[in-house]
Every structure is written in structure tokens, then in C-alpha cells.
């Protein structure tokens, strides 16, 4: 005996049904594109304002001597990155 489940059957569409499905897919694609375009147009001013603020902050940090010309911190860290500011870890026995 074969215990393999039967594969589901695929419905057969008429030409009119297929054309209606294709038209609906095209309409949905156009609506999705219009929504995406509207969203991008709506957020452009906010993204530009944020970029300008970040550029101004970067310039201010360079003017204050906190960053070099490459944007790297001028002063080295007080301790290695692995070292905790709270001292060495406690020993667990």
C-alpha cells in the first residue's frame, strides 16, 4: 500500500478568469507603486533635515576638537575596550 498523500489538484481557469486575475495583479501593482512613491515623497524632507542636523553636529564636534578630519575621536580611550570601568570581575568559586 502506498501511504503517500495525494497531491492537491490545481484549478483550471478559463481565459476570462486568467485575464481578470492578471488585470487585478496589474492594478494592485500600480496601487502599491503609487503608495511607495507617495511615502518616499513624504519622508524626503524629514530625511534631508536629519542629514543636515547630523552634518552640523559633525562640524561642531570637529570645531570643538573632538574629531579629526577623518571623523575619528582625537583623544584615546582611558582604558582598553575590554576593561570594565568597575574593576576586575569577581572570582566565583
C-alpha atoms as a PDB file:
ATOM      1  CA  UNK A   1       0.000   0.000   0.000  1.00  0.00           C
ATOM      2  CA  UNK A   2       1.162   3.476  -0.796  1.00  0.00           C
ATOM      3  CA  UNK A   3       0.794   5.957   2.097  1.00  0.00           C
ATOM      4  CA  UNK A   4       1.863   8.958   0.026  1.00  0.00           C
ATOM      5  CA  UNK A   5      -0.802  11.655   0.257  1.00  0.00           C
ATOM      6  CA  UNK A   6      -2.433  12.696  -2.977  1.00  0.00           C
ATOM      7  CA  UNK A   7      -1.284  15.955  -4.473  1.00  0.00           C
ATOM      8  CA  UNK A   8      -3.890  18.719  -4.483  1.00  0.00           C
ATOM      9  CA  UNK A   9      -5.461  19.410  -7.816  1.00  0.00           C
ATOM     10  CA  UNK A  10      -4.848  22.743  -9.483  1.00  0.00           C
ATOM     11  CA  UNK A  11      -7.998  24.523 -10.568  1.00  0.00           C
ATOM     12  CA  UNK A  12      -8.210  25.214 -14.262  1.00  0.00           C
ATOM     13  CA  UNK A  13      -9.032  28.811 -15.091  1.00  0.00           C
ATOM     14  CA  UNK A  14     -10.913  29.945 -18.107  1.00  0.00           C
ATOM     15  CA  UNK A  15      -9.299  32.545 -20.351  1.00  0.00           C
ATOM     16  CA  UNK A  16     -11.608  35.214 -18.931  1.00  0.00           C
ATOM     17  CA  UNK A  17     -10.711  34.267 -15.354  1.00  0.00           C
ATOM     18  CA  UNK A  18      -7.000  34.284 -16.141  1.00  0.00           C
ATOM     19  CA  UNK A  19      -7.282  37.709 -17.785  1.00  0.00           C
ATOM     20  CA  UNK A  20      -9.216  39.033 -14.763  1.00  0.00           C
ATOM     21  CA  UNK A  21      -6.528  37.732 -12.402  1.00  0.00           C
ATOM     22  CA  UNK A  22      -3.777  39.325 -14.478  1.00  0.00           C
ATOM     23  CA  UNK A  23      -5.677  42.668 -14.602  1.00  0.00           C
ATOM     24  CA  UNK A  24      -6.161  42.580 -10.819  1.00  0.00           C
ATOM     25  CA  UNK A  25      -2.471  41.845 -10.251  1.00  0.00           C
ATOM     26  CA  UNK A  26      -1.505  44.735 -12.553  1.00  0.00           C
ATOM     27  CA  UNK A  27      -3.907  47.092 -10.742  1.00  0.00           C
ATOM     28  CA  UNK A  28      -2.558  46.052  -7.345  1.00  0.00           C
ATOM     29  CA  UNK A  29       0.992  46.600  -8.581  1.00  0.00           C
ATOM     30  CA  UNK A  30       0.096  50.115  -9.755  1.00  0.00           C
ATOM     31  CA  UNK A  31      -1.535  50.910  -6.400  1.00  0.00           C
ATOM     32  CA  UNK A  32       1.481  49.572  -4.490  1.00  0.00           C
ATOM     33  CA  UNK A  33       3.827  51.664  -6.642  1.00  0.00           C
ATOM     34  CA  UNK A  34       1.715  54.783  -6.061  1.00  0.00           C
ATOM     35  CA  UNK A  35       1.752  54.190  -2.292  1.00  0.00           C
ATOM     36  CA  UNK A  36       5.529  53.656  -2.277  1.00  0.00           C
ATOM     37  CA  UNK A  37       6.079  56.818  -4.341  1.00  0.00           C
ATOM     38  CA  UNK A  38       3.850  58.865  -2.033  1.00  0.00           C
ATOM     39  CA  UNK A  39       5.659  57.509   1.036  1.00  0.00           C
ATOM     40  CA  UNK A  40       9.087  58.347  -0.369  1.00  0.00           C
ATOM     41  CA  UNK A  41       7.956  61.856  -1.313  1.00  0.00           C
ATOM     42  CA  UNK A  42       6.537  62.338   2.198  1.00  0.00           C
ATOM     43  CA  UNK A  43       9.700  61.292   4.062  1.00  0.00           C
ATOM     44  CA  UNK A  44      12.257  63.082   1.862  1.00  0.00           C
ATOM     45  CA  UNK A  45      12.022  66.385   3.825  1.00  0.00           C
ATOM     46  CA  UNK A  46      12.448  64.621   7.169  1.00  0.00           C
ATOM     47  CA  UNK A  47      15.437  62.600   5.954  1.00  0.00           C
ATOM     48  CA  UNK A  48      17.065  65.703   4.477  1.00  0.00           C
ATOM     49  CA  UNK A  49      16.547  67.634   7.734  1.00  0.00           C
ATOM     50  CA  UNK A  50      18.052  64.789   9.763  1.00  0.00           C
ATOM     51  CA  UNK A  51      21.054  64.608   7.421  1.00  0.00           C
ATOM     52  CA  UNK A  52      21.608  68.358   7.745  1.00  0.00           C
ATOM     53  CA  UNK A  53      21.438  68.133  11.544  1.00  0.00           C
ATOM     54  CA  UNK A  54      23.930  65.275  11.611  1.00  0.00           C
ATOM     55  CA  UNK A  55      26.293  67.160   9.315  1.00  0.00           C
ATOM     56  CA  UNK A  56      26.049  70.239  11.566  1.00  0.00           C
ATOM     57  CA  UNK A  57      26.723  68.108  14.652  1.00  0.00           C
ATOM     58  CA  UNK A  58      29.757  66.558  12.941  1.00  0.00           C
ATOM     59  CA  UNK A  59      31.117  70.012  12.069  1.00  0.00           C
ATOM     60  CA  UNK A  60      30.529  71.212  15.643  1.00  0.00           C
ATOM     61  CA  UNK A  61      32.394  68.202  17.056  1.00  0.00           C
ATOM     62  CA  UNK A  62      35.305  68.874  14.681  1.00  0.00           C
ATOM     63  CA  UNK A  63      35.306  72.578  15.613  1.00  0.00           C
ATOM     64  CA  UNK A  64      35.374  71.585  19.298  1.00  0.00           C
ATOM     65  CA  UNK A  65      38.434  69.411  18.647  1.00  0.00           C
ATOM     66  CA  UNK A  66      36.678  66.155  19.492  1.00  0.00           C
ATOM     67  CA  UNK A  67      37.006  64.662  15.980  1.00  0.00           C
ATOM     68  CA  UNK A  68      39.843  64.798  13.474  1.00  0.00           C
ATOM     69  CA  UNK A  69      39.405  65.419   9.734  1.00  0.00           C
ATOM     70  CA  UNK A  70      38.516  61.741   9.199  1.00  0.00           C
ATOM     71  CA  UNK A  71      35.793  61.847  11.864  1.00  0.00           C
ATOM     72  CA  UNK A  72      37.780  59.750  14.356  1.00  0.00           C
ATOM     73  CA  UNK A  73      37.970  60.664  18.059  1.00  0.00           C
ATOM     74  CA  UNK A  74      41.021  62.784  18.853  1.00  0.00           C
ATOM     75  CA  UNK A  75      41.702  61.519  22.371  1.00  0.00           C
ATOM     76  CA  UNK A  76      42.395  57.850  23.017  1.00  0.00           C
ATOM     77  CA  UNK A  77      40.183  55.920  25.412  1.00  0.00           C
ATOM     78  CA  UNK A  78      41.113  55.845  29.114  1.00  0.00           C
ATOM     79  CA  UNK A  79      41.370  52.067  29.137  1.00  0.00           C
ATOM     80  CA  UNK A  80      41.286  49.158  26.728  1.00  0.00           C
ATOM     81  CA  UNK A  81      37.853  48.347  25.358  1.00  0.00           C
ATOM     82  CA  UNK A  82      37.772  45.025  27.222  1.00  0.00           C
ATOM     83  CA  UNK A  83      38.433  46.583  30.629  1.00  0.00           C
ATOM     84  CA  UNK A  84      35.447  47.368  32.816  1.00  0.00           C
ATOM     85  CA  UNK A  85      35.205  50.783  34.498  1.00  0.00           C
ATOM     86  CA  UNK A  86      34.129  48.912  37.648  1.00  0.00           C
ATOM     87  CA  UNK A  87      37.330  46.947  38.113  1.00  0.00           C
ATOM     88  CA  UNK A  88      38.122  43.312  37.503  1.00  0.00           C
ATOM     89  CA  UNK A  89      35.332  40.744  37.664  1.00  0.00           C
ATOM     90  CA  UNK A  90      34.788  38.969  40.961  1.00  0.00           C
ATOM     91  CA  UNK A  91      36.033  35.400  41.224  1.00  0.00           C
ATOM     92  CA  UNK A  92      33.402  32.724  41.584  1.00  0.00           C
ATOM     93  CA  UNK A  93      34.473  29.546  43.313  1.00  0.00           C
END
